[in-house]
């Protein structure tokens, strides 16, 4: 699976959440709490959107944001994950669909 991910995502990716298969993190980042927390937020996003709808929304939002530049960092899912990756209690206090507030939020 690791070779597959490197081929399609490149070597810059340090972690990815592919529900229902799991969370994959580069070995050198495996003990980095921040990365694990970031990917755990994505896990919750995917579960609450029944997996398939997460991927559909992700791709559609990415395509919409692509012409504006830096589409990845401006996705609502990524905004939620990045803004809460150092809040290690966030998963326990997170409200469902919290990413939705990040759609137009800078």
Protein backbone atom coordinates (compact mmCIF):
# COMPACT_ATOMS: atom_id res chain seq x y z
CA UNK A 1 0.00 0.00 0.00
CA UNK A 2 2.87 2.38 0.78
CA UNK A 3 4.37 2.11 -2.73
CA UNK A 4 0.92 2.71 -4.22
CA UNK A 5 0.44 5.87 -2.15
CA UNK A 6 3.90 7.20 -3.00
CA UNK A 7 3.27 6.65 -6.70
CA UNK A 8 -0.05 8.54 -6.73
CA UNK A 9 0.58 11.14 -4.04
CA UNK A 10 4.29 11.75 -4.30
CA UNK A 11 6.92 11.72 -1.59
CA UNK A 12 5.81 15.00 0.01
CA UNK A 13 2.77 13.42 1.67
CA UNK A 14 3.51 12.44 5.26
CA UNK A 15 0.08 11.03 6.11
CA UNK A 16 -3.25 10.14 4.59
CA UNK A 17 -6.51 8.76 5.91
CA UNK A 18 -8.20 6.26 3.63
CA UNK A 19 -11.32 5.12 5.39
CA UNK A 20 -12.15 2.24 5.77
CA UNK A 21 -8.56 1.04 5.26
CA UNK A 22 -6.88 3.16 7.92
CA UNK A 23 -4.45 5.96 8.48
CA UNK A 24 -1.07 5.80 6.77
CA UNK A 25 1.79 7.92 8.08
CA UNK A 26 5.40 8.03 6.88
CA UNK A 27 7.52 6.06 9.31
CA UNK A 28 9.59 9.08 10.34
CA UNK A 29 6.35 10.86 11.39
CA UNK A 30 4.74 7.89 13.10
CA UNK A 31 5.27 9.23 16.61
CA UNK A 32 4.36 12.83 15.84
CA UNK A 33 1.19 13.52 17.86
CA UNK A 34 0.25 16.46 15.68
CA UNK A 35 0.17 14.38 12.48
CA UNK A 36 -1.79 11.57 14.12
CA UNK A 37 -4.30 14.08 15.48
CA UNK A 38 -4.66 15.73 12.06
CA UNK A 39 -5.37 12.39 10.38
CA UNK A 40 -7.73 11.36 13.21
CA UNK A 41 -9.80 14.47 12.48
CA UNK A 42 -10.06 13.32 8.86
CA UNK A 43 -11.12 9.88 10.09
CA UNK A 44 -14.03 11.47 11.99
CA UNK A 45 -14.97 13.59 8.97
CA UNK A 46 -15.07 10.50 6.76
CA UNK A 47 -17.14 8.46 9.21
CA UNK A 48 -19.75 11.18 9.67
CA UNK A 49 -20.11 11.52 5.89
CA UNK A 50 -20.43 7.77 5.36
CA UNK A 51 -17.07 7.69 3.59
CA UNK A 52 -18.27 8.00 -0.01
CA UNK A 53 -19.83 11.44 0.50
CA UNK A 54 -16.58 12.67 2.07
CA UNK A 55 -14.64 11.76 -1.06
CA UNK A 56 -17.27 13.23 -3.36
CA UNK A 57 -17.33 16.52 -1.42
CA UNK A 58 -13.52 16.57 -1.21
CA UNK A 59 -13.09 16.26 -4.98
CA UNK A 60 -15.86 18.73 -5.84
CA UNK A 61 -14.59 21.34 -3.39
CA UNK A 62 -11.02 20.81 -4.60
CA UNK A 63 -12.10 21.37 -8.23
CA UNK A 64 -13.96 24.55 -7.26
CA UNK A 65 -10.97 25.92 -5.34
CA UNK A 66 -8.32 24.83 -7.85
CA UNK A 67 -8.45 27.96 -10.05
CA UNK A 68 -7.97 30.17 -6.96
CA UNK A 69 -4.70 28.46 -6.02
CA UNK A 70 -3.63 26.27 -3.11
CA UNK A 71 -6.84 24.23 -3.32
CA UNK A 72 -5.63 21.59 -0.86
CA UNK A 73 -4.96 23.96 2.06
CA UNK A 74 -8.23 25.82 1.44
CA UNK A 75 -10.49 22.77 1.58
CA UNK A 76 -12.94 22.93 4.47
CA UNK A 77 -11.81 19.48 5.68
CA UNK A 78 -8.17 20.55 5.70
CA UNK A 79 -8.93 23.88 7.37
CA UNK A 80 -10.64 22.07 10.24
CA UNK A 81 -7.81 19.55 10.57
CA UNK A 82 -4.99 22.11 10.38
CA UNK A 83 -6.65 24.55 12.77
CA UNK A 84 -7.15 21.84 15.40
CA UNK A 85 -4.19 19.51 14.94
CA UNK A 86 -2.45 20.77 18.10
CA UNK A 87 -5.64 20.58 20.18
CA UNK A 88 -5.21 17.01 21.39
CA UNK A 89 -8.64 16.95 23.06
CA UNK A 90 -10.40 18.09 19.90
CA UNK A 91 -11.70 14.66 18.86
CA UNK A 92 -13.56 14.33 22.19
CA UNK A 93 -15.09 17.83 21.99
CA UNK A 94 -15.58 18.07 18.23
CA UNK A 95 -19.09 18.66 16.97
CA UNK A 96 -20.32 16.68 13.97
CA UNK A 97 -19.82 18.45 10.64
CA UNK A 98 -17.53 21.05 12.23
CA UNK A 99 -15.73 21.33 8.88
CA UNK A 100 -18.87 22.91 7.41
CA UNK A 101 -18.12 26.18 9.24
CA UNK A 102 -14.79 26.33 7.41
CA UNK A 103 -16.25 26.45 3.89
CA UNK A 104 -16.13 30.23 3.60
CA UNK A 105 -14.04 30.91 6.67
CA UNK A 106 -10.47 32.07 6.04
